[in-house]
Each structure stands twice: as C-alpha cells, then as structure tokens.
Amino acid sequence: MSKSSTYTTKAGDTWDLIAFELWGDEFKMTDLQEANLEYADILIFDAGVVLAVPEIDNTSSAGLPSWKQ
C-alpha cells in the first residue's frame, strides 16, 4: 500500500524547484506535473497550493555512468 503525500507551495515555487526540494533532481518535475494536471498551466506558484506528490523510485541507476552504478 502506498502512502499518499502532498506538498504545499510557497510563493515563488516553480515545478523544477519543488522537484529538486523533494527528490534532489529538478528533472523529476515531469512526474510531479503529471500527478497534478489541474495545475499544468501554472509556471510560478502562489503560496498554499496543495500538490499531490507521486511516489518516485530514486534507486534506479539507469542513465548513470558505470562507475556510479
């Protein structure tokens, strides 16, 4: 069973900044956007928007050079 989590935005948050705060990787913003399609047209958030945070597998070594795997 997966635990549902949320993130409440701060004024000035952007998709990539939120993804970096959550997972340490701004490129995971696509996963965040896909989980929150109703906010897809927002570039810079106001404070207080509650976003669904998808469960992301951070253990994948895909795309890493062999010495980092």
Protein backbone atom coordinates (compact mmCIF):
# COMPACT_ATOMS: atom_id res chain seq x y z
CA MET A 1 0.00 0.00 0.00
CA SER A 2 1.48 3.36 -0.97
CA LYS A 3 1.25 6.35 1.28
CA SER A 4 -0.21 9.45 -0.32
CA SER A 5 1.74 12.62 0.33
CA THR A 6 1.34 16.26 -0.55
CA TYR A 7 3.43 19.39 -0.89
CA THR A 8 2.07 22.84 -0.07
CA THR A 9 3.64 25.53 -2.22
CA LYS A 10 5.40 28.64 -1.07
CA ALA A 11 5.08 31.88 -3.04
CA GLY A 12 7.52 31.76 -5.95
CA ASP A 13 7.84 27.98 -6.13
CA THR A 14 8.31 26.52 -9.61
CA TRP A 15 7.93 22.92 -10.80
CA ASP A 16 11.66 22.32 -11.04
CA LEU A 17 12.38 23.90 -7.66
CA ILE A 18 9.75 21.74 -5.96
CA ALA A 19 11.10 18.59 -7.64
CA PHE A 20 14.61 19.47 -6.51
CA GLU A 21 13.41 20.04 -2.93
CA LEU A 22 11.51 16.75 -2.90
CA TRP A 23 13.91 14.43 -4.72
CA GLY A 24 17.14 16.35 -5.30
CA ASP A 25 16.52 16.22 -9.05
CA GLU A 26 14.81 19.03 -10.96
CA PHE A 27 14.29 16.73 -13.94
CA LYS A 28 11.67 14.78 -11.96
CA MET A 29 9.36 17.78 -12.33
CA THR A 30 7.61 15.93 -15.17
CA ASP A 31 6.47 13.25 -12.70
CA LEU A 32 5.17 15.98 -10.40
CA GLN A 33 3.34 17.75 -13.24
CA GLU A 34 1.74 14.51 -14.42
CA ALA A 35 0.39 13.93 -10.91
CA ASN A 36 -1.10 17.44 -10.85
CA LEU A 37 -2.50 18.11 -14.32
CA GLU A 38 -5.03 20.60 -12.99
CA TYR A 39 -2.10 22.97 -12.28
CA ALA A 40 -0.22 22.35 -15.53
CA ASP A 41 -0.67 25.95 -16.73
CA ILE A 42 0.99 27.45 -13.64
CA LEU A 43 4.65 28.42 -14.01
CA ILE A 44 5.17 30.23 -10.69
CA PHE A 45 3.02 29.21 -7.77
CA ASP A 46 1.31 31.32 -5.15
CA ALA A 47 1.56 30.13 -1.56
CA GLY A 48 -0.86 27.49 -0.36
CA VAL A 49 -1.43 25.30 -3.42
CA VAL A 50 -1.55 21.66 -2.31
CA LEU A 51 0.10 19.33 -4.81
CA ALA A 52 -0.03 15.55 -4.87
CA VAL A 53 3.44 14.06 -4.59
CA PRO A 54 3.85 10.83 -6.56
CA GLU A 55 5.96 8.02 -5.21
CA ILE A 56 9.24 8.06 -7.15
CA ASP A 57 11.82 5.28 -7.21
CA ASN A 58 15.14 7.03 -6.54
CA THR A 59 17.13 3.80 -6.51
CA SER A 60 17.38 3.44 -10.29
CA SER A 61 20.87 3.64 -11.73
CA ALA A 62 19.65 3.99 -15.31
CA GLY A 63 21.50 6.69 -17.17
CA LEU A 64 24.41 6.77 -14.74
CA PRO A 65 27.94 6.05 -15.90
CA SER A 66 29.13 2.55 -14.98
CA TRP A 67 31.44 3.84 -12.24
CA LYS A 68 28.46 5.42 -10.43
CA GLN A 69 26.17 2.37 -10.62
